[in-house]
Amino acid sequence: MQQPSPNGLHIVADDPPAPHPIDIICDMLRESEGLPRLMETFYLAQEPGLLEIMRALISLPEDERFRLLQYLSRCRDQHIYVREMPGGALVIDTVERSGIDESD
């Protein structure tokens, strides 16, 4: 929004020039620790609903995110699924991975 000056003229702030797309990509590559990681991030972002899940997880308080990360780290070799309780709460649960199909 333009601010009026004492003499009635409007002062327009000089906006810094927008970064070039190549500069943005170079920054992303540098921050992502390499091209494979950047490509993985790009492909994961294409998964339906994943960005919404990520936004919700990012909005968790830091200690809650830490607890979730610790839980998921412990469950790395297990199937993870979510079930809804009668009151509407969601429960993250795990099943040991085995050769038995437990889908029924």
PDB file of N, CA and C in Angstrom:
ATOM      1  N   MET A   1       0.843  -1.172   0.000  1.00  0.00           N
ATOM      2  CA  MET A   1       0.000   0.000   0.000  1.00  0.00           C
ATOM      3  C   MET A   1       0.888   1.234   0.000  1.00  0.00           C
ATOM      4  N   GLN A   2       0.505   2.203  -0.768  1.00  0.00           N
ATOM      5  CA  GLN A   2       1.288   3.427  -0.860  1.00  0.00           C
ATOM      6  C   GLN A   2       0.992   4.324   0.331  1.00  0.00           C
ATOM      7  N   GLN A   3       2.047   4.912   0.886  1.00  0.00           N
ATOM      8  CA  GLN A   3       1.911   5.830   2.008  1.00  0.00           C
ATOM      9  C   GLN A   3       1.984   7.265   1.485  1.00  0.00           C
ATOM     10  N   PRO A   4       1.049   8.139   1.895  1.00  0.00           N
ATOM     11  CA  PRO A   4       1.154   9.532   1.451  1.00  0.00           C
ATOM     12  C   PRO A   4       2.329  10.216   2.149  1.00  0.00           C
ATOM     13  N   SER A   5       3.025  11.038   1.411  1.00  0.00           N
ATOM     14  CA  SER A   5       4.124  11.813   1.982  1.00  0.00           C
ATOM     15  C   SER A   5       3.555  13.114   2.541  1.00  0.00           C
ATOM     16  N   PRO A   6       4.353  13.855   3.304  1.00  0.00           N
ATOM     17  CA  PRO A   6       3.845  15.127   3.863  1.00  0.00           C
ATOM     18  C   PRO A   6       3.368  16.107   2.796  1.00  0.00           C
ATOM     19  N   ASN A   7       3.921  16.030   1.580  1.00  0.00           N
ATOM     20  CA  ASN A   7       3.505  16.979   0.538  1.00  0.00           C
ATOM     21  C   ASN A   7       2.373  16.426  -0.324  1.00  0.00           C
ATOM     22  N   GLY A   8       1.784  15.284   0.095  1.00  0.00           N
ATOM     23  CA  GLY A   8       0.640  14.732  -0.616  1.00  0.00           C
ATOM     24  C   GLY A   8       0.990  13.746  -1.718  1.00  0.00           C
ATOM     25  N   LEU A   9       2.273  13.579  -2.021  1.00  0.00           N
ATOM     26  CA  LEU A   9       2.678  12.610  -3.042  1.00  0.00           C
ATOM     27  C   LEU A   9       2.732  11.211  -2.433  1.00  0.00           C
ATOM     28  N   HIS A  10       2.537  10.230  -3.244  1.00  0.00           N
ATOM     29  CA  HIS A  10       2.616   8.847  -2.767  1.00  0.00           C
ATOM     30  C   HIS A  10       4.023   8.320  -2.936  1.00  0.00           C
ATOM     31  N   ILE A  11       4.513   7.664  -1.881  1.00  0.00           N
ATOM     32  CA  ILE A  11       5.843   7.072  -1.905  1.00  0.00           C
ATOM     33  C   ILE A  11       5.693   5.592  -2.276  1.00  0.00           C
ATOM     34  N   VAL A  12       6.408   5.170  -3.285  1.00  0.00           N
ATOM     35  CA  VAL A  12       6.382   3.767  -3.706  1.00  0.00           C
ATOM     36  C   VAL A  12       7.702   3.152  -3.293  1.00  0.00           C
ATOM     37  N   ALA A  13       7.625   2.117  -2.439  1.00  0.00           N
ATOM     38  CA  ALA A  13       8.846   1.445  -1.996  1.00  0.00           C
ATOM     39  C   ALA A  13       9.439   0.659  -3.152  1.00  0.00           C
ATOM     40  N   ASP A  14      10.745   0.683  -3.240  1.00  0.00           N
ATOM     41  CA  ASP A  14      11.418  -0.104  -4.271  1.00  0.00           C
ATOM     42  C   ASP A  14      11.447  -1.558  -3.835  1.00  0.00           C
ATOM     43  N   ASP A  15      10.733  -2.400  -4.548  1.00  0.00           N
ATOM     44  CA  ASP A  15      10.758  -3.828  -4.260  1.00  0.00           C
ATOM     45  C   ASP A  15      12.037  -4.410  -4.834  1.00  0.00           C
ATOM     46  N   PRO A  16      12.657  -5.334  -4.090  1.00  0.00           N
ATOM     47  CA  PRO A  16      13.842  -5.978  -4.661  1.00  0.00           C
ATOM     48  C   PRO A  16      13.431  -6.782  -5.893  1.00  0.00           C
ATOM     49  N   PRO A  17      14.328  -6.916  -6.851  1.00  0.00           N
ATOM     50  CA  PRO A  17      13.976  -7.673  -8.054  1.00  0.00           C
ATOM     51  C   PRO A  17      13.684  -9.135  -7.700  1.00  0.00           C
ATOM     52  N   ALA A  18      12.727  -9.703  -8.394  1.00  0.00           N
ATOM     53  CA  ALA A  18      12.382 -11.107  -8.161  1.00  0.00           C
ATOM     54  C   ALA A  18      13.560 -11.994  -8.564  1.00  0.00           C
ATOM     55  N   PRO A  19      13.817 -13.066  -7.806  1.00  0.00           N
ATOM     56  CA  PRO A  19      14.924 -13.951  -8.176  1.00  0.00           C
ATOM     57  C   PRO A  19      14.621 -14.681  -9.481  1.00  0.00           C
ATOM     58  N   HIS A  20      15.649 -14.984 -10.194  1.00  0.00           N
ATOM     59  CA  HIS A  20      15.519 -15.725 -11.445  1.00  0.00           C
ATOM     60  C   HIS A  20      15.196 -17.186 -11.106  1.00  0.00           C
ATOM     61  N   PRO A  21      14.335 -17.864 -11.888  1.00  0.00           N
ATOM     62  CA  PRO A  21      14.000 -19.265 -11.608  1.00  0.00           C
ATOM     63  C   PRO A  21      15.227 -20.177 -11.498  1.00  0.00           C
ATOM     64  N   ILE A  22      16.246 -19.926 -12.286  1.00  0.00           N
ATOM     65  CA  ILE A  22      17.470 -20.742 -12.197  1.00  0.00           C
ATOM     66  C   ILE A  22      18.121 -20.581 -10.824  1.00  0.00           C
ATOM     67  N   ASP A  23      18.103 -19.360 -10.289  1.00  0.00           N
ATOM     68  CA  ASP A  23      18.667 -19.127  -8.961  1.00  0.00           C
ATOM     69  C   ASP A  23      17.872 -19.871  -7.893  1.00  0.00           C
ATOM     70  N   ILE A  24      16.561 -19.899  -8.055  1.00  0.00           N
ATOM     71  CA  ILE A  24      15.714 -20.617  -7.099  1.00  0.00           C
ATOM     72  C   ILE A  24      16.036 -22.107  -7.137  1.00  0.00           C
ATOM     73  N   ILE A  25      16.137 -22.684  -8.340  1.00  0.00           N
ATOM     74  CA  ILE A  25      16.455 -24.109  -8.478  1.00  0.00           C
ATOM     75  C   ILE A  25      17.830 -24.414  -7.900  1.00  0.00           C
ATOM     76  N   CYS A  26      18.803 -23.546  -8.145  1.00  0.00           N
ATOM     77  CA  CYS A  26      20.149 -23.757  -7.594  1.00  0.00           C
ATOM     78  C   CYS A  26      20.116 -23.744  -6.062  1.00  0.00           C
ATOM     79  N   ASP A  27      19.354 -22.825  -5.485  1.00  0.00           N
ATOM     80  CA  ASP A  27      19.214 -22.785  -4.024  1.00  0.00           C
ATOM     81  C   ASP A  27      18.554 -24.060  -3.510  1.00  0.00           C
ATOM     82  N   MET A  28      17.522 -24.519  -4.191  1.00  0.00           N
ATOM     83  CA  MET A  28      16.837 -25.753  -3.782  1.00  0.00           C
ATOM     84  C   MET A  28      17.790 -26.940  -3.859  1.00  0.00           C
ATOM     85  N   LEU A  29      18.577 -27.008  -4.899  1.00  0.00           N
ATOM     86  CA  LEU A  29      19.537 -28.099  -5.065  1.00  0.00           C
ATOM     87  C   LEU A  29      20.581 -28.063  -3.950  1.00  0.00           C
ATOM     88  N   ARG A  30      21.073 -26.883  -3.651  1.00  0.00           N
ATOM     89  CA  ARG A  30      22.077 -26.729  -2.599  1.00  0.00           C
ATOM     90  C   ARG A  30      21.509 -27.137  -1.240  1.00  0.00           C
ATOM     91  N   GLU A  31      20.294 -26.714  -0.950  1.00  0.00           N
ATOM     92  CA  GLU A  31      19.675 -27.003   0.339  1.00  0.00           C
ATOM     93  C   GLU A  31      19.220 -28.458   0.483  1.00  0.00           C
ATOM     94  N   SER A  32      18.962 -29.134  -0.625  1.00  0.00           N
ATOM     95  CA  SER A  32      18.436 -30.506  -0.557  1.00  0.00           C
ATOM     96  C   SER A  32      19.521 -31.563  -0.493  1.00  0.00           C
ATOM     97  N   GLU A  33      20.769 -31.175  -0.454  1.00  0.00           N
ATOM     98  CA  GLU A  33      21.897 -32.099  -0.327  1.00  0.00           C
ATOM     99  C   GLU A  33      22.135 -32.933  -1.574  1.00  0.00           C
ATOM    100  N   GLY A  34      21.695 -32.477  -2.714  1.00  0.00           N
ATOM    101  CA  GLY A  34      22.015 -33.163  -3.954  1.00  0.00           C
ATOM    102  C   GLY A  34      20.814 -33.409  -4.839  1.00  0.00           C
ATOM    103  N   LEU A  35      21.106 -33.704  -6.098  1.00  0.00           N
ATOM    104  CA  LEU A  35      20.055 -33.908  -7.093  1.00  0.00           C
ATOM    105  C   LEU A  35      19.136 -35.082  -6.769  1.00  0.00           C
ATOM    106  N   PRO A  36      19.645 -36.241  -6.337  1.00  0.00           N
ATOM    107  CA  PRO A  36      18.716 -37.350  -6.028  1.00  0.00           C
ATOM    108  C   PRO A  36      17.682 -36.970  -4.971  1.00  0.00           C
ATOM    109  N   ARG A  37      18.102 -36.253  -3.939  1.00  0.00           N
ATOM    110  CA  ARG A  37      17.176 -35.855  -2.874  1.00  0.00           C
ATOM    111  C   ARG A  37      16.157 -34.841  -3.385  1.00  0.00           C
ATOM    112  N   LEU A  38      16.610 -33.900  -4.220  1.00  0.00           N
ATOM    113  CA  LEU A  38      15.697 -32.919  -4.803  1.00  0.00           C
ATOM    114  C   LEU A  38      14.669 -33.606  -5.692  1.00  0.00           C
ATOM    115  N   MET A  39      15.113 -34.573  -6.497  1.00  0.00           N
ATOM    116  CA  MET A  39      14.178 -35.303  -7.362  1.00  0.00           C
ATOM    117  C   MET A  39      13.197 -36.124  -6.534  1.00  0.00           C
ATOM    118  N   GLU A  40      13.669 -36.745  -5.464  1.00  0.00           N
ATOM    119  CA  GLU A  40      12.776 -37.504  -4.583  1.00  0.00           C
ATOM    120  C   GLU A  40      11.709 -36.591  -3.995  1.00  0.00           C
ATOM    121  N   THR A  41      12.121 -35.426  -3.543  1.00  0.00           N
ATOM    122  CA  THR A  41      11.179 -34.463  -2.983  1.00  0.00           C
ATOM    123  C   THR A  41      10.145 -34.042  -4.015  1.00  0.00           C
ATOM    124  N   PHE A  42      10.591 -33.786  -5.236  1.00  0.00           N
ATOM    125  CA  PHE A  42       9.677 -33.405  -6.307  1.00  0.00           C
ATOM    126  C   PHE A  42       8.660 -34.512  -6.574  1.00  0.00           C
ATOM    127  N   TYR A  43       9.113 -35.750  -6.706  1.00  0.00           N
ATOM    128  CA  TYR A  43       8.194 -36.850  -6.998  1.00  0.00           C
ATOM    129  C   TYR A  43       7.245 -37.114  -5.833  1.00  0.00           C
ATOM    130  N   LEU A  44       7.735 -37.002  -4.604  1.00  0.00           N
ATOM    131  CA  LEU A  44       6.850 -37.188  -3.455  1.00  0.00           C
ATOM    132  C   LEU A  44       5.770 -36.112  -3.409  1.00  0.00           C
ATOM    133  N   ALA A  45       6.121 -34.904  -3.802  1.00  0.00           N
ATOM    134  CA  ALA A  45       5.151 -33.802  -3.786  1.00  0.00           C
ATOM    135  C   ALA A  45       4.017 -34.036  -4.780  1.00  0.00           C
ATOM    136  N   GLN A  46       4.205 -34.942  -5.734  1.00  0.00           N
ATOM    137  CA  GLN A  46       3.166 -35.240  -6.714  1.00  0.00           C
ATOM    138  C   GLN A  46       2.119 -36.221  -6.178  1.00  0.00           C
ATOM    139  N   GLU A  47       2.403 -36.872  -5.048  1.00  0.00           N
ATOM    140  CA  GLU A  47       1.460 -37.830  -4.469  1.00  0.00           C
ATOM    141  C   GLU A  47       0.206 -37.100  -3.993  1.00  0.00           C
ATOM    142  N   PRO A  48      -0.969 -37.580  -4.395  1.00  0.00           N
ATOM    143  CA  PRO A  48      -2.211 -36.905  -3.981  1.00  0.00           C
ATOM    144  C   PRO A  48      -2.339 -36.829  -2.455  1.00  0.00           C
ATOM    145  N   GLY A  49      -2.599 -35.642  -1.958  1.00  0.00           N
ATOM    146  CA  GLY A  49      -2.845 -35.436  -0.535  1.00  0.00           C
ATOM    147  C   GLY A  49      -1.604 -35.298   0.327  1.00  0.00           C
ATOM    148  N   LEU A  50      -0.420 -35.585  -0.220  1.00  0.00           N
ATOM    149  CA  LEU A  50       0.780 -35.572   0.607  1.00  0.00           C
ATOM    150  C   LEU A  50       1.119 -34.176   1.116  1.00  0.00           C
ATOM    151  N   LEU A  51       0.970 -33.150   0.283  1.00  0.00           N
ATOM    152  CA  LEU A  51       1.281 -31.796   0.747  1.00  0.00           C
ATOM    153  C   LEU A  51       0.348 -31.369   1.879  1.00  0.00           C
ATOM    154  N   GLU A  52      -0.909 -31.768   1.817  1.00  0.00           N
ATOM    155  CA  GLU A  52      -1.851 -31.436   2.890  1.00  0.00           C
ATOM    156  C   GLU A  52      -1.441 -32.127   4.185  1.00  0.00           C
ATOM    157  N   ILE A  53      -1.006 -33.396   4.081  1.00  0.00           N
ATOM    158  CA  ILE A  53      -0.539 -34.120   5.265  1.00  0.00           C
ATOM    159  C   ILE A  53       0.697 -33.445   5.826  1.00  0.00           C
ATOM    160  N   MET A  54       1.630 -33.068   4.945  1.00  0.00           N
ATOM    161  CA  MET A  54       2.858 -32.410   5.394  1.00  0.00           C
ATOM    162  C   MET A  54       2.551 -31.082   6.079  1.00  0.00           C
ATOM    163  N   ARG A  55       1.624 -30.312   5.528  1.00  0.00           N
ATOM    164  CA  ARG A  55       1.264 -29.031   6.154  1.00  0.00           C
ATOM    165  C   ARG A  55       0.702 -29.255   7.554  1.00  0.00           C
ATOM    166  N   ALA A  56      -0.121 -30.293   7.707  1.00  0.00           N
ATOM    167  CA  ALA A  56      -0.687 -30.593   9.024  1.00  0.00           C
ATOM    168  C   ALA A  56       0.402 -31.026  10.003  1.00  0.00           C
ATOM    169  N   LEU A  57       1.341 -31.839   9.534  1.00  0.00           N
ATOM    170  CA  LEU A  57       2.421 -32.287  10.409  1.00  0.00           C
ATOM    171  C   LEU A  57       3.340 -31.136  10.803  1.00  0.00           C
ATOM    172  N   ILE A  58       3.594 -30.234   9.871  1.00  0.00           N
ATOM    173  CA  ILE A  58       4.445 -29.082  10.161  1.00  0.00           C
ATOM    174  C   ILE A  58       3.794 -28.174  11.193  1.00  0.00           C
ATOM    175  N   SER A  59       2.471 -28.139  11.218  1.00  0.00           N
ATOM    176  CA  SER A  59       1.790 -27.268  12.173  1.00  0.00           C
ATOM    177  C   SER A  59       1.767 -27.859  13.587  1.00  0.00           C
ATOM    178  N   LEU A  60       2.194 -29.114  13.747  1.00  0.00           N
ATOM    179  CA  LEU A  60       2.273 -29.703  15.084  1.00  0.00           C
ATOM    180  C   LEU A  60       3.329 -28.979  15.909  1.00  0.00           C
ATOM    181  N   PRO A  61       3.124 -28.895  17.210  1.00  0.00           N
ATOM    182  CA  PRO A  61       4.189 -28.350  18.058  1.00  0.00           C
ATOM    183  C   PRO A  61       5.459 -29.208  17.913  1.00  0.00           C
ATOM    184  N   GLU A  62       6.607 -28.586  18.114  1.00  0.00           N
ATOM    185  CA  GLU A  62       7.890 -29.266  17.890  1.00  0.00           C
ATOM    186  C   GLU A  62       8.010 -30.564  18.689  1.00  0.00           C
ATOM    187  N   ASP A  63       7.566 -30.575  19.933  1.00  0.00           N
ATOM    188  CA  ASP A  63       7.690 -31.798  20.737  1.00  0.00           C
ATOM    189  C   ASP A  63       6.785 -32.911  20.210  1.00  0.00           C
ATOM    190  N   GLU A  64       5.622 -32.565  19.673  1.00  0.00           N
ATOM    191  CA  GLU A  64       4.730 -33.573  19.102  1.00  0.00           C
ATOM    192  C   GLU A  64       5.320 -34.155  17.818  1.00  0.00           C
ATOM    193  N   ARG A  65       5.923 -33.292  16.983  1.00  0.00           N
ATOM    194  CA  ARG A  65       6.588 -33.783  15.765  1.00  0.00           C
ATOM    195  C   ARG A  65       7.740 -34.710  16.135  1.00  0.00           C
ATOM    196  N   PHE A  66       8.486 -34.360  17.180  1.00  0.00           N
ATOM    197  CA  PHE A  66       9.597 -35.191  17.623  1.00  0.00           C
ATOM    198  C   PHE A  66       9.088 -36.565  18.075  1.00  0.00           C
ATOM    199  N   ARG A  67       7.995 -36.581  18.841  1.00  0.00           N
ATOM    200  CA  ARG A  67       7.411 -37.863  19.290  1.00  0.00           C
ATOM    201  C   ARG A  67       6.967 -38.711  18.104  1.00  0.00           C
ATOM    202  N   LEU A  68       6.340 -38.073  17.120  1.00  0.00           N
ATOM    203  CA  LEU A  68       5.896 -38.799  15.933  1.00  0.00           C
ATOM    204  C   LEU A  68       7.087 -39.346  15.161  1.00  0.00           C
ATOM    205  N   LEU A  69       8.132 -38.548  15.002  1.00  0.00           N
ATOM    206  CA  LEU A  69       9.328 -38.995  14.293  1.00  0.00           C
ATOM    207  C   LEU A  69       9.980 -40.175  15.012  1.00  0.00           C
ATOM    208  N   GLN A  70      10.053 -40.113  16.329  1.00  0.00           N
ATOM    209  CA  GLN A  70      10.622 -41.219  17.106  1.00  0.00           C
ATOM    210  C   GLN A  70       9.798 -42.491  16.915  1.00  0.00           C
ATOM    211  N   TYR A  71       8.482 -42.367  16.942  1.00  0.00           N
ATOM    212  CA  TYR A  71       7.594 -43.515  16.742  1.00  0.00           C
ATOM    213  C   TYR A  71       7.806 -44.119  15.354  1.00  0.00           C
ATOM    214  N   LEU A  72       7.813 -43.274  14.343  1.00  0.00           N
ATOM    215  CA  LEU A  72       7.978 -43.773  12.971  1.00  0.00           C
ATOM    216  C   LEU A  72       9.355 -44.395  12.768  1.00  0.00           C
ATOM    217  N   SER A  73      10.377 -43.864  13.427  1.00  0.00           N
ATOM    218  CA  SER A  73      11.714 -44.451  13.336  1.00  0.00           C
ATOM    219  C   SER A  73      11.749 -45.848  13.943  1.00  0.00           C
ATOM    220  N   ARG A  74      11.043 -46.047  15.044  1.00  0.00           N
ATOM    221  CA  ARG A  74      10.983 -47.375  15.673  1.00  0.00           C
ATOM    222  C   ARG A  74      10.197 -48.376  14.827  1.00  0.00           C
ATOM    223  N   CYS A  75       9.289 -47.885  14.002  1.00  0.00           N
ATOM    224  CA  CYS A  75       8.384 -48.748  13.231  1.00  0.00           C
ATOM    225  C   CYS A  75       8.826 -48.915  11.784  1.00  0.00           C
ATOM    226  N   ARG A  76      10.078 -48.672  11.506  1.00  0.00           N
ATOM    227  CA  ARG A  76      10.570 -48.669  10.127  1.00  0.00           C
ATOM    228  C   ARG A  76      10.315 -49.986   9.396  1.00  0.00           C
ATOM    229  N   ASP A  77      10.384 -51.118  10.078  1.00  0.00           N
ATOM    230  CA  ASP A  77      10.205 -52.421   9.444  1.00  0.00           C
ATOM    231  C   ASP A  77       8.795 -52.973   9.640  1.00  0.00           C
ATOM    232  N   GLN A  78       7.846 -52.120   9.869  1.00  0.00           N
ATOM    233  CA  GLN A  78       6.473 -52.548  10.109  1.00  0.00           C
ATOM    234  C   GLN A  78       5.531 -51.825   9.161  1.00  0.00           C
ATOM    235  N   HIS A  79       4.393 -52.449   8.888  1.00  0.00           N
ATOM    236  CA  HIS A  79       3.345 -51.783   8.116  1.00  0.00           C
ATOM    237  C   HIS A  79       2.633 -50.815   9.054  1.00  0.00           C
ATOM    238  N   ILE A  80       2.435 -49.611   8.590  1.00  0.00           N
ATOM    239  CA  ILE A  80       1.749 -48.601   9.391  1.00  0.00           C
ATOM    240  C   ILE A  80       0.372 -48.371   8.792  1.00  0.00           C
ATOM    241  N   TYR A  81      -0.623 -48.297   9.647  1.00  0.00           N
ATOM    242  CA  TYR A  81      -1.963 -47.984   9.173  1.00  0.00           C
ATOM    243  C   TYR A  81      -2.649 -47.081  10.187  1.00  0.00           C
ATOM    244  N   VAL A  82      -3.707 -46.447   9.764  1.00  0.00           N
ATOM    245  CA  VAL A  82      -4.460 -45.516  10.605  1.00  0.00           C
ATOM    246  C   VAL A  82      -5.864 -46.059  10.761  1.00  0.00           C
ATOM    247  N   ARG A  83      -6.362 -46.029  11.982  1.00  0.00           N
ATOM    248  CA  ARG A  83      -7.752 -46.432  12.210  1.00  0.00           C
ATOM    249  C   ARG A  83      -8.443 -45.341  13.013  1.00  0.00           C
ATOM    250  N   GLU A  84      -9.751 -45.225  12.804  1.00  0.00           N
ATOM    251  CA  GLU A  84     -10.513 -44.181  13.483  1.00  0.00           C
ATOM    252  C   GLU A  84     -11.280 -44.784  14.639  1.00  0.00           C
ATOM    253  N   MET A  85     -11.200 -44.150  15.773  1.00  0.00           N
ATOM    254  CA  MET A  85     -11.900 -44.585  16.973  1.00  0.00           C
ATOM    255  C   MET A  85     -13.325 -44.030  16.937  1.00  0.00           C
ATOM    256  N   PRO A  86     -14.243 -44.616  17.706  1.00  0.00           N
ATOM    257  CA  PRO A  86     -15.635 -44.146  17.696  1.00  0.00           C
ATOM    258  C   PRO A  86     -15.787 -42.644  17.987  1.00  0.00           C
ATOM    259  N   GLY A  87     -14.950 -42.061  18.825  1.00  0.00           N
ATOM    260  CA  GLY A  87     -15.057 -40.637  19.142  1.00  0.00           C
ATOM    261  C   GLY A  87     -14.443 -39.732  18.075  1.00  0.00           C
ATOM    262  N   GLY A  88     -13.874 -40.314  17.026  1.00  0.00           N
ATOM    263  CA  GLY A  88     -13.296 -39.531  15.947  1.00  0.00           C
ATOM    264  C   GLY A  88     -11.783 -39.419  15.986  1.00  0.00           C
ATOM    265  N   ALA A  89     -11.145 -39.897  17.070  1.00  0.00           N
ATOM    266  CA  ALA A  89      -9.682 -39.845  17.150  1.00  0.00           C
ATOM    267  C   ALA A  89      -9.085 -40.843  16.169  1.00  0.00           C
ATOM    268  N   LEU A  90      -7.944 -40.468  15.588  1.00  0.00           N
ATOM    269  CA  LEU A  90      -7.214 -41.375  14.706  1.00  0.00           C
ATOM    270  C   LEU A  90      -6.067 -42.003  15.482  1.00  0.00           C
ATOM    271  N   VAL A  91      -5.852 -43.286  15.243  1.00  0.00           N
ATOM    272  CA  VAL A  91      -4.786 -44.025  15.907  1.00  0.00           C
ATOM    273  C   VAL A  91      -3.841 -44.555  14.841  1.00  0.00           C
ATOM    274  N   ILE A  92      -2.554 -44.264  14.997  1.00  0.00           N
ATOM    275  CA  ILE A  92      -1.544 -44.837  14.111  1.00  0.00           C
ATOM    276  C   ILE A  92      -1.121 -46.148  14.750  1.00  0.00           C
ATOM    277  N   ASP A  93      -1.176 -47.210  13.987  1.00  0.00           N
ATOM    278  CA  ASP A  93      -0.850 -48.522  14.515  1.00  0.00           C
ATOM    279  C   ASP A  93       0.098 -49.223  13.561  1.00  0.00           C
ATOM    280  N   THR A  94       0.713 -50.283  14.030  1.00  0.00           N
ATOM    281  CA  THR A  94       1.668 -51.019  13.209  1.00  0.00           C
ATOM    282  C   THR A  94       1.378 -52.511  13.250  1.00  0.00           C
ATOM    283  N   VAL A  95       1.845 -53.184  12.208  1.00  0.00           N
ATOM    284  CA  VAL A  95       1.780 -54.643  12.137  1.00  0.00           C
ATOM    285  C   VAL A  95       3.154 -55.093  11.660  1.00  0.00           C
ATOM    286  N   GLU A  96       3.727 -56.085  12.318  1.00  0.00           N
ATOM    287  CA  GLU A  96       5.017 -56.618  11.884  1.00  0.00           C
ATOM    288  C   GLU A  96       4.912 -57.094  10.449  1.00  0.00           C
ATOM    289  N   ARG A  97       5.924 -56.788   9.652  1.00  0.00           N
ATOM    290  CA  ARG A  97       5.955 -57.261   8.263  1.00  0.00           C
ATOM    291  C   ARG A  97       6.282 -58.750   8.279  1.00  0.00           C
ATOM    292  N   SER A  98       5.506 -59.509   7.511  1.00  0.00           N
ATOM    293  CA  SER A  98       5.762 -60.930   7.393  1.00  0.00           C
ATOM    294  C   SER A  98       5.290 -61.382   6.016  1.00  0.00           C
ATOM    295  N   GLY A  99       5.485 -62.623   5.731  1.00  0.00           N
ATOM    296  CA  GLY A  99       5.049 -63.159   4.451  1.00  0.00           C
ATOM    297  C   GLY A  99       3.556 -63.455   4.433  1.00  0.00           C
ATOM    298  N   ILE A 100       2.869 -63.289   5.541  1.00  0.00           N
ATOM    299  CA  ILE A 100       1.445 -63.588   5.637  1.00  0.00           C
ATOM    300  C   ILE A 100       0.650 -62.361   5.252  1.00  0.00           C
ATOM    301  N   ASP A 101      -0.370 -62.584   4.409  1.00  0.00           N
ATOM    302  CA  ASP A 101      -1.245 -61.483   4.011  1.00  0.00           C
ATOM    303  C   ASP A 101      -2.272 -61.268   5.110  1.00  0.00           C
ATOM    304  N   GLU A 102      -2.220 -60.113   5.770  1.00  0.00           N
ATOM    305  CA  GLU A 102      -3.126 -59.810   6.877  1.00  0.00           C
ATOM    306  C   GLU A 102      -4.208 -58.830   6.475  1.00  0.00           C
ATOM    307  N   SER A 103      -4.529 -58.787   5.187  1.00  0.00           N
ATOM    308  CA  SER A 103      -5.477 -57.784   4.711  1.00  0.00           C
ATOM    309  C   SER A 103      -6.928 -58.118   4.992  1.00  0.00           C
ATOM    310  N   ASP A 104      -7.266 -59.368   5.405  1.00  0.00           N
ATOM    311  CA  ASP A 104      -8.677 -59.638   5.658  1.00  0.00           C
ATOM    312  C   ASP A 104      -9.094 -59.203   7.011  1.00  0.00           C
TER     313      ASP A 104
END
